[in-house]
Amino acid sequence: MLVFLFGLLLIVLVFYLKQINSITTSGYKMRELENKAAELRDKNKKLELQITELRSSERVATEVEILKMEEVVRLEYLKTDGTSVAWNR
């Protein structure tokens, strides 16, 4: 009878340790995922700020000057072999 109780206690102890290990591992993974989510939120905010900066009218005006773009005054389309081509005069 004593051997049976000892065996039962051992089985319960092993089960308990396995559950504790599982809970601890899940908690660690959860913290890891929460940290990753926070990093991604920060990165998303930085990217949104960068998009806003790149879309600003000052930025566009600067790029127009750097690329030496000109305003189109008159635009004509030429047809060649079924494709359209834009021509600035």
PDB file of N, CA and C in Angstrom:
ATOM      1  N   MET A   1       0.814  -1.187   0.000  1.00  0.00           N
ATOM      2  CA  MET A   1       0.000   0.000   0.000  1.00  0.00           C
ATOM      3  C   MET A   1       0.864   1.259   0.000  1.00  0.00           C
ATOM      4  N   LEU A   2       1.955   1.229   0.762  1.00  0.00           N
ATOM      5  CA  LEU A   2       2.862   2.368   0.851  1.00  0.00           C
ATOM      6  C   LEU A   2       3.534   2.625  -0.496  1.00  0.00           C
ATOM      7  N   VAL A   3       3.887   1.561  -1.199  1.00  0.00           N
ATOM      8  CA  VAL A   3       4.514   1.690  -2.522  1.00  0.00           C
ATOM      9  C   VAL A   3       3.527   2.333  -3.494  1.00  0.00           C
ATOM     10  N   PHE A   4       2.263   1.934  -3.409  1.00  0.00           N
ATOM     11  CA  PHE A   4       1.226   2.490  -4.272  1.00  0.00           C
ATOM     12  C   PHE A   4       1.071   3.993  -4.026  1.00  0.00           C
ATOM     13  N   LEU A   5       1.027   4.415  -2.752  1.00  0.00           N
ATOM     14  CA  LEU A   5       0.898   5.838  -2.418  1.00  0.00           C
ATOM     15  C   LEU A   5       2.127   6.621  -2.862  1.00  0.00           C
ATOM     16  N   PHE A   6       3.291   6.036  -2.688  1.00  0.00           N
ATOM     17  CA  PHE A   6       4.520   6.688  -3.122  1.00  0.00           C
ATOM     18  C   PHE A   6       4.518   6.857  -4.642  1.00  0.00           C
ATOM     19  N   GLY A   7       4.101   5.834  -5.366  1.00  0.00           N
ATOM     20  CA  GLY A   7       4.022   5.901  -6.821  1.00  0.00           C
ATOM     21  C   GLY A   7       3.018   6.950  -7.270  1.00  0.00           C
ATOM     22  N   LEU A   8       1.877   7.009  -6.629  1.00  0.00           N
ATOM     23  CA  LEU A   8       0.849   7.988  -6.949  1.00  0.00           C
ATOM     24  C   LEU A   8       1.363   9.399  -6.680  1.00  0.00           C
ATOM     25  N   LEU A   9       2.052   9.575  -5.560  1.00  0.00           N
ATOM     26  CA  LEU A   9       2.639  10.870  -5.222  1.00  0.00           C
ATOM     27  C   LEU A   9       3.677  11.284  -6.252  1.00  0.00           C
ATOM     28  N   LEU A  10       4.472  10.327  -6.703  1.00  0.00           N
ATOM     29  CA  LEU A  10       5.487  10.608  -7.711  1.00  0.00           C
ATOM     30  C   LEU A  10       4.842  11.041  -9.033  1.00  0.00           C
ATOM     31  N   ILE A  11       3.768  10.374  -9.420  1.00  0.00           N
ATOM     32  CA  ILE A  11       3.058  10.725 -10.656  1.00  0.00           C
ATOM     33  C   ILE A  11       2.464  12.131 -10.547  1.00  0.00           C
ATOM     34  N   VAL A  12       1.857  12.435  -9.411  1.00  0.00           N
ATOM     35  CA  VAL A  12       1.271  13.771  -9.203  1.00  0.00           C
ATOM     36  C   VAL A  12       2.371  14.826  -9.220  1.00  0.00           C
ATOM     37  N   LEU A  13       3.500  14.545  -8.604  1.00  0.00           N
ATOM     38  CA  LEU A  13       4.624  15.476  -8.570  1.00  0.00           C
ATOM     39  C   LEU A  13       5.163  15.739  -9.976  1.00  0.00           C
ATOM     40  N   VAL A  14       5.327  14.702 -10.769  1.00  0.00           N
ATOM     41  CA  VAL A  14       5.811  14.861 -12.147  1.00  0.00           C
ATOM     42  C   VAL A  14       4.820  15.694 -12.953  1.00  0.00           C
ATOM     43  N   PHE A  15       3.533  15.406 -12.813  1.00  0.00           N
ATOM     44  CA  PHE A  15       2.503  16.161 -13.511  1.00  0.00           C
ATOM     45  C   PHE A  15       2.539  17.641 -13.096  1.00  0.00           C
ATOM     46  N   TYR A  16       2.677  17.883 -11.790  1.00  0.00           N
ATOM     47  CA  TYR A  16       2.738  19.243 -11.269  1.00  0.00           C
ATOM     48  C   TYR A  16       3.944  20.001 -11.842  1.00  0.00           C
ATOM     49  N   LEU A  17       5.113  19.371 -11.833  1.00  0.00           N
ATOM     50  CA  LEU A  17       6.314  20.007 -12.368  1.00  0.00           C
ATOM     51  C   LEU A  17       6.181  20.305 -13.865  1.00  0.00           C
ATOM     52  N   LYS A  18       5.544  19.392 -14.584  1.00  0.00           N
ATOM     53  CA  LYS A  18       5.334  19.605 -16.015  1.00  0.00           C
ATOM     54  C   LYS A  18       4.423  20.816 -16.250  1.00  0.00           C
ATOM     55  N   GLN A  19       3.375  20.940 -15.440  1.00  0.00           N
ATOM     56  CA  GLN A  19       2.449  22.073 -15.575  1.00  0.00           C
ATOM     57  C   GLN A  19       3.156  23.393 -15.236  1.00  0.00           C
ATOM     58  N   ILE A  20       3.929  23.394 -14.187  1.00  0.00           N
ATOM     59  CA  ILE A  20       4.667  24.601 -13.791  1.00  0.00           C
ATOM     60  C   ILE A  20       5.636  25.001 -14.900  1.00  0.00           C
ATOM     61  N   ASN A  21       6.322  24.037 -15.456  1.00  0.00           N
ATOM     62  CA  ASN A  21       7.250  24.303 -16.555  1.00  0.00           C
ATOM     63  C   ASN A  21       6.505  24.875 -17.757  1.00  0.00           C
ATOM     64  N   SER A  22       5.366  24.306 -18.071  1.00  0.00           N
ATOM     65  CA  SER A  22       4.562  24.777 -19.204  1.00  0.00           C
ATOM     66  C   SER A  22       4.089  26.210 -18.984  1.00  0.00           C
ATOM     67  N   ILE A  23       3.629  26.520 -17.788  1.00  0.00           N
ATOM     68  CA  ILE A  23       3.164  27.871 -17.463  1.00  0.00           C
ATOM     69  C   ILE A  23       4.314  28.869 -17.557  1.00  0.00           C
ATOM     70  N   THR A  24       5.460  28.490 -17.015  1.00  0.00           N
ATOM     71  CA  THR A  24       6.627  29.370 -17.053  1.00  0.00           C
ATOM     72  C   THR A  24       7.061  29.637 -18.491  1.00  0.00           C
ATOM     73  N   THR A  25       7.100  28.599 -19.305  1.00  0.00           N
ATOM     74  CA  THR A  25       7.482  28.750 -20.708  1.00  0.00           C
ATOM     75  C   THR A  25       6.489  29.635 -21.441  1.00  0.00           C
ATOM     76  N   SER A  26       5.201  29.444 -21.196  1.00  0.00           N
ATOM     77  CA  SER A  26       4.175  30.273 -21.842  1.00  0.00           C
ATOM     78  C   SER A  26       4.317  31.737 -21.440  1.00  0.00           C
ATOM     79  N   GLY A  27       4.602  31.976 -20.179  1.00  0.00           N
ATOM     80  CA  GLY A  27       4.799  33.351 -19.705  1.00  0.00           C
ATOM     81  C   GLY A  27       5.988  34.001 -20.383  1.00  0.00           C
ATOM     82  N   TYR A  28       7.067  33.255 -20.522  1.00  0.00           N
ATOM     83  CA  TYR A  28       8.260  33.777 -21.187  1.00  0.00           C
ATOM     84  C   TYR A  28       7.953  34.117 -22.643  1.00  0.00           C
ATOM     85  N   LYS A  29       7.270  33.206 -23.339  1.00  0.00           N
ATOM     86  CA  LYS A  29       6.920  33.451 -24.742  1.00  0.00           C
ATOM     87  C   LYS A  29       5.993  34.653 -24.871  1.00  0.00           C
ATOM     88  N   MET A  30       5.077  34.790 -23.930  1.00  0.00           N
ATOM     89  CA  MET A  30       4.144  35.912 -23.961  1.00  0.00           C
ATOM     90  C   MET A  30       4.879  37.235 -23.794  1.00  0.00           C
ATOM     91  N   ARG A  31       5.812  37.307 -22.860  1.00  0.00           N
ATOM     92  CA  ARG A  31       6.617  38.526 -22.678  1.00  0.00           C
ATOM     93  C   ARG A  31       7.424  38.823 -23.926  1.00  0.00           C
ATOM     94  N   GLU A  32       7.972  37.785 -24.530  1.00  0.00           N
ATOM     95  CA  GLU A  32       8.759  37.948 -25.750  1.00  0.00           C
ATOM     96  C   GLU A  32       7.895  38.533 -26.869  1.00  0.00           C
ATOM     97  N   LEU A  33       6.674  38.022 -27.021  1.00  0.00           N
ATOM     98  CA  LEU A  33       5.761  38.522 -28.047  1.00  0.00           C
ATOM     99  C   LEU A  33       5.291  39.940 -27.752  1.00  0.00           C
ATOM    100  N   GLU A  34       5.080  40.252 -26.493  1.00  0.00           N
ATOM    101  CA  GLU A  34       4.698  41.619 -26.120  1.00  0.00           C
ATOM    102  C   GLU A  34       5.819  42.597 -26.444  1.00  0.00           C
ATOM    103  N   ASN A  35       7.059  42.209 -26.183  1.00  0.00           N
ATOM    104  CA  ASN A  35       8.205  43.056 -26.518  1.00  0.00           C
ATOM    105  C   ASN A  35       8.308  43.260 -28.024  1.00  0.00           C
ATOM    106  N   LYS A  36       8.108  42.191 -28.770  1.00  0.00           N
ATOM    107  CA  LYS A  36       8.163  42.271 -30.233  1.00  0.00           C
ATOM    108  C   LYS A  36       7.056  43.190 -30.746  1.00  0.00           C
ATOM    109  N   ALA A  37       5.855  43.082 -30.174  1.00  0.00           N
ATOM    110  CA  ALA A  37       4.736  43.940 -30.582  1.00  0.00           C
ATOM    111  C   ALA A  37       5.058  45.405 -30.294  1.00  0.00           C
ATOM    112  N   ALA A  38       5.670  45.681 -29.156  1.00  0.00           N
ATOM    113  CA  ALA A  38       6.043  47.061 -28.809  1.00  0.00           C
ATOM    114  C   ALA A  38       7.083  47.589 -29.797  1.00  0.00           C
ATOM    115  N   GLU A  39       8.052  46.759 -30.143  1.00  0.00           N
ATOM    116  CA  GLU A  39       9.066  47.161 -31.126  1.00  0.00           C
ATOM    117  C   GLU A  39       8.420  47.466 -32.472  1.00  0.00           C
ATOM    118  N   LEU A  40       7.490  46.623 -32.886  1.00  0.00           N
ATOM    119  CA  LEU A  40       6.819  46.836 -34.169  1.00  0.00           C
ATOM    120  C   LEU A  40       5.950  48.096 -34.141  1.00  0.00           C
ATOM    121  N   ARG A  41       5.311  48.386 -32.997  1.00  0.00           N
ATOM    122  CA  ARG A  41       4.531  49.623 -32.895  1.00  0.00           C
ATOM    123  C   ARG A  41       5.438  50.842 -33.029  1.00  0.00           C
ATOM    124  N   ASP A  42       6.603  50.793 -32.367  1.00  0.00           N
ATOM    125  CA  ASP A  42       7.565  51.901 -32.467  1.00  0.00           C
ATOM    126  C   ASP A  42       8.059  52.067 -33.901  1.00  0.00           C
ATOM    127  N   LYS A  43       8.380  50.961 -34.535  1.00  0.00           N
ATOM    128  CA  LYS A  43       8.861  51.018 -35.915  1.00  0.00           C
ATOM    129  C   LYS A  43       7.769  51.572 -36.833  1.00  0.00           C
ATOM    130  N   ASN A  44       6.522  51.177 -36.593  1.00  0.00           N
ATOM    131  CA  ASN A  44       5.407  51.663 -37.394  1.00  0.00           C
ATOM    132  C   ASN A  44       5.245  53.176 -37.241  1.00  0.00           C
ATOM    133  N   LYS A  45       5.366  53.677 -36.011  1.00  0.00           N
ATOM    134  CA  LYS A  45       5.271  55.123 -35.778  1.00  0.00           C
ATOM    135  C   LYS A  45       6.370  55.868 -36.526  1.00  0.00           C
ATOM    136  N   LYS A  46       7.597  55.327 -36.482  1.00  0.00           N
ATOM    137  CA  LYS A  46       8.712  55.964 -37.188  1.00  0.00           C
ATOM    138  C   LYS A  46       8.471  55.969 -38.695  1.00  0.00           C
ATOM    139  N   LEU A  47       7.946  54.861 -39.224  1.00  0.00           N
ATOM    140  CA  LEU A  47       7.663  54.791 -40.656  1.00  0.00           C
ATOM    141  C   LEU A  47       6.541  55.754 -41.055  1.00  0.00           C
ATOM    142  N   GLU A  48       5.524  55.879 -40.214  1.00  0.00           N
ATOM    143  CA  GLU A  48       4.445  56.829 -40.496  1.00  0.00           C
ATOM    144  C   GLU A  48       4.979  58.259 -40.512  1.00  0.00           C
ATOM    145  N   LEU A  49       5.872  58.582 -39.581  1.00  0.00           N
ATOM    146  CA  LEU A  49       6.490  59.901 -39.549  1.00  0.00           C
ATOM    147  C   LEU A  49       7.318  60.135 -40.812  1.00  0.00           C
ATOM    148  N   GLN A  50       8.056  59.113 -41.219  1.00  0.00           N
ATOM    149  CA  GLN A  50       8.872  59.225 -42.428  1.00  0.00           C
ATOM    150  C   GLN A  50       7.982  59.438 -43.663  1.00  0.00           C
ATOM    151  N   ILE A  51       6.861  58.736 -43.730  1.00  0.00           N
ATOM    152  CA  ILE A  51       5.918  58.913 -44.845  1.00  0.00           C
ATOM    153  C   ILE A  51       5.401  60.351 -44.866  1.00  0.00           C
ATOM    154  N   THR A  52       5.034  60.860 -43.695  1.00  0.00           N
ATOM    155  CA  THR A  52       4.536  62.230 -43.604  1.00  0.00           C
ATOM    156  C   THR A  52       5.587  63.224 -44.087  1.00  0.00           C
ATOM    157  N   GLU A  53       6.833  63.012 -43.667  1.00  0.00           N
ATOM    158  CA  GLU A  53       7.916  63.903 -44.086  1.00  0.00           C
ATOM    159  C   GLU A  53       8.146  63.831 -45.591  1.00  0.00           C
ATOM    160  N   LEU A  54       8.111  62.617 -46.144  1.00  0.00           N
ATOM    161  CA  LEU A  54       8.355  62.469 -47.580  1.00  0.00           C
ATOM    162  C   LEU A  54       7.217  63.027 -48.428  1.00  0.00           C
ATOM    163  N   ARG A  55       6.012  63.047 -47.889  1.00  0.00           N
ATOM    164  CA  ARG A  55       4.857  63.568 -48.631  1.00  0.00           C
ATOM    165  C   ARG A  55       4.679  65.079 -48.462  1.00  0.00           C
ATOM    166  N   SER A  56       5.463  65.707 -47.611  1.00  0.00           N
ATOM    167  CA  SER A  56       5.293  67.138 -47.362  1.00  0.00           C
ATOM    168  C   SER A  56       5.574  67.933 -48.634  1.00  0.00           C
ATOM    169  N   SER A  57       4.891  69.057 -48.764  1.00  0.00           N
ATOM    170  CA  SER A  57       5.040  69.882 -49.975  1.00  0.00           C
ATOM    171  C   SER A  57       6.465  70.428 -50.104  1.00  0.00           C
ATOM    172  N   GLU A  58       7.108  70.729 -48.982  1.00  0.00           N
ATOM    173  CA  GLU A  58       8.492  71.215 -49.037  1.00  0.00           C
ATOM    174  C   GLU A  58       9.413  70.149 -49.615  1.00  0.00           C
ATOM    175  N   ARG A  59       9.198  68.919 -49.173  1.00  0.00           N
ATOM    176  CA  ARG A  59      10.019  67.803 -49.658  1.00  0.00           C
ATOM    177  C   ARG A  59       9.806  67.602 -51.158  1.00  0.00           C
ATOM    178  N   VAL A  60       8.554  67.638 -51.597  1.00  0.00           N
ATOM    179  CA  VAL A  60       8.248  67.458 -53.013  1.00  0.00           C
ATOM    180  C   VAL A  60       8.881  68.587 -53.829  1.00  0.00           C
ATOM    181  N   ALA A  61       8.782  69.825 -53.343  1.00  0.00           N
ATOM    182  CA  ALA A  61       9.375  70.966 -54.043  1.00  0.00           C
ATOM    183  C   ALA A  61      10.891  70.814 -54.148  1.00  0.00           C
ATOM    184  N   THR A  62      11.514  70.344 -53.072  1.00  0.00           N
ATOM    185  CA  THR A  62      12.969  70.130 -53.089  1.00  0.00           C
ATOM    186  C   THR A  62      13.346  69.066 -54.116  1.00  0.00           C
ATOM    187  N   GLU A  63      12.594  67.979 -54.160  1.00  0.00           N
ATOM    188  CA  GLU A  63      12.870  66.908 -55.132  1.00  0.00           C
ATOM    189  C   GLU A  63      12.676  67.392 -56.562  1.00  0.00           C
ATOM    190  N   VAL A  64      11.676  68.237 -56.778  1.00  0.00           N
ATOM    191  CA  VAL A  64      11.448  68.803 -58.117  1.00  0.00           C
ATOM    192  C   VAL A  64      12.671  69.599 -58.546  1.00  0.00           C
ATOM    193  N   GLU A  65      13.220  70.393 -57.639  1.00  0.00           N
ATOM    194  CA  GLU A  65      14.420  71.183 -57.961  1.00  0.00           C
ATOM    195  C   GLU A  65      15.633  70.283 -58.199  1.00  0.00           C
ATOM    196  N   ILE A  66      15.821  69.287 -57.333  1.00  0.00           N
ATOM    197  CA  ILE A  66      16.971  68.392 -57.465  1.00  0.00           C
ATOM    198  C   ILE A  66      16.929  67.631 -58.786  1.00  0.00           C
ATOM    199  N   LEU A  67      15.739  67.160 -59.154  1.00  0.00           N
ATOM    200  CA  LEU A  67      15.591  66.383 -60.393  1.00  0.00           C
ATOM    201  C   LEU A  67      15.434  67.260 -61.624  1.00  0.00           C
ATOM    202  N   LYS A  68      15.438  68.594 -61.407  1.00  0.00           N
ATOM    203  CA  LYS A  68      15.308  69.566 -62.492  1.00  0.00           C
ATOM    204  C   LYS A  68      14.072  69.290 -63.343  1.00  0.00           C
ATOM    205  N   MET A  69      12.970  69.055 -62.661  1.00  0.00           N
ATOM    206  CA  MET A  69      11.709  68.814 -63.350  1.00  0.00           C
ATOM    207  C   MET A  69      11.134  70.148 -63.826  1.00  0.00           C
ATOM    208  N   GLU A  70      10.396  70.091 -64.888  1.00  0.00           N
ATOM    209  CA  GLU A  70       9.781  71.297 -65.443  1.00  0.00           C
ATOM    210  C   GLU A  70       8.276  71.099 -65.522  1.00  0.00           C
ATOM    211  N   GLU A  71       7.555  72.220 -65.441  1.00  0.00           N
ATOM    212  CA  GLU A  71       6.111  72.165 -65.564  1.00  0.00           C
ATOM    213  C   GLU A  71       5.741  71.879 -67.011  1.00  0.00           C
ATOM    214  N   VAL A  72       4.787  71.019 -67.210  1.00  0.00           N
ATOM    215  CA  VAL A  72       4.331  70.685 -68.559  1.00  0.00           C
ATOM    216  C   VAL A  72       3.368  71.775 -69.007  1.00  0.00           C
ATOM    217  N   VAL A  73       3.704  72.403 -70.152  1.00  0.00           N
ATOM    218  CA  VAL A  73       2.865  73.464 -70.684  1.00  0.00           C
ATOM    219  C   VAL A  73       1.879  72.894 -71.697  1.00  0.00           C
ATOM    220  N   ARG A  74       2.394  72.096 -72.589  1.00  0.00           N
ATOM    221  CA  ARG A  74       1.555  71.496 -73.628  1.00  0.00           C
ATOM    222  C   ARG A  74       1.930  70.034 -73.754  1.00  0.00           C
ATOM    223  N   LEU A  75       0.956  69.173 -73.721  1.00  0.00           N
ATOM    224  CA  LEU A  75       1.216  67.740 -73.739  1.00  0.00           C
ATOM    225  C   LEU A  75       0.528  67.134 -74.947  1.00  0.00           C
ATOM    226  N   GLU A  76       1.288  66.360 -75.705  1.00  0.00           N
ATOM    227  CA  GLU A  76       0.733  65.659 -76.861  1.00  0.00           C
ATOM    228  C   GLU A  76       1.028  64.176 -76.719  1.00  0.00           C
ATOM    229  N   TYR A  77       0.105  63.360 -77.182  1.00  0.00           N
ATOM    230  CA  TYR A  77       0.300  61.918 -77.172  1.00  0.00           C
ATOM    231  C   TYR A  77       0.529  61.446 -78.596  1.00  0.00           C
ATOM    232  N   LEU A  78       1.541  60.634 -78.789  1.00  0.00           N
ATOM    233  CA  LEU A  78       1.835  60.057 -80.093  1.00  0.00           C
ATOM    234  C   LEU A  78       1.420  58.602 -80.088  1.00  0.00           C
ATOM    235  N   LYS A  79       0.833  58.146 -81.150  1.00  0.00           N
ATOM    236  CA  LYS A  79       0.466  56.729 -81.271  1.00  0.00           C
ATOM    237  C   LYS A  79       1.531  56.030 -82.104  1.00  0.00           C
ATOM    238  N   THR A  80       2.108  54.970 -81.515  1.00  0.00           N
ATOM    239  CA  THR A  80       3.078  54.161 -82.255  1.00  0.00           C
ATOM    240  C   THR A  80       2.828  52.705 -81.952  1.00  0.00           C
ATOM    241  N   ASP A  81       2.477  51.948 -82.939  1.00  0.00           N
ATOM    242  CA  ASP A  81       2.260  50.507 -82.809  1.00  0.00           C
ATOM    243  C   ASP A  81       1.344  50.139 -81.637  1.00  0.00           C
ATOM    244  N   GLY A  82       0.294  50.901 -81.427  1.00  0.00           N
ATOM    245  CA  GLY A  82      -0.667  50.559 -80.383  1.00  0.00           C
ATOM    246  C   GLY A  82      -0.283  51.003 -78.989  1.00  0.00           C
ATOM    247  N   THR A  83       0.846  51.683 -78.818  1.00  0.00           N
ATOM    248  CA  THR A  83       1.239  52.178 -77.495  1.00  0.00           C
ATOM    249  C   THR A  83       1.213  53.696 -77.501  1.00  0.00           C
ATOM    250  N   SER A  84       0.985  54.299 -76.366  1.00  0.00           N
ATOM    251  CA  SER A  84       0.955  55.756 -76.253  1.00  0.00           C
ATOM    252  C   SER A  84       2.274  56.250 -75.679  1.00  0.00           C
ATOM    253  N   VAL A  85       2.701  57.403 -76.189  1.00  0.00           N
ATOM    254  CA  VAL A  85       3.928  58.019 -75.706  1.00  0.00           C
ATOM    255  C   VAL A  85       3.637  59.468 -75.396  1.00  0.00           C
ATOM    256  N   ALA A  86       4.057  59.987 -74.275  1.00  0.00           N
ATOM    257  CA  ALA A  86       3.864  61.395 -73.922  1.00  0.00           C
ATOM    258  C   ALA A  86       5.068  62.187 -74.405  1.00  0.00           C
ATOM    259  N   TRP A  87       4.772  63.383 -74.946  1.00  0.00           N
ATOM    260  CA  TRP A  87       5.833  64.206 -75.480  1.00  0.00           C
ATOM    261  C   TRP A  87       5.638  65.614 -74.978  1.00  0.00           C
ATOM    262  N   ASN A  88       6.618  66.172 -74.316  1.00  0.00           N
ATOM    263  CA  ASN A  88       6.542  67.531 -73.777  1.00  0.00           C
ATOM    264  C   ASN A  88       7.226  68.477 -74.727  1.00  0.00           C
ATOM    265  N   ARG A  89       6.503  69.483 -75.186  1.00  0.00           N
ATOM    266  CA  ARG A  89       7.090  70.480 -76.107  1.00  0.00           C
ATOM    267  C   ARG A  89       7.244  71.784 -75.419  1.00  0.00           C
TER     268      ARG A  89
END
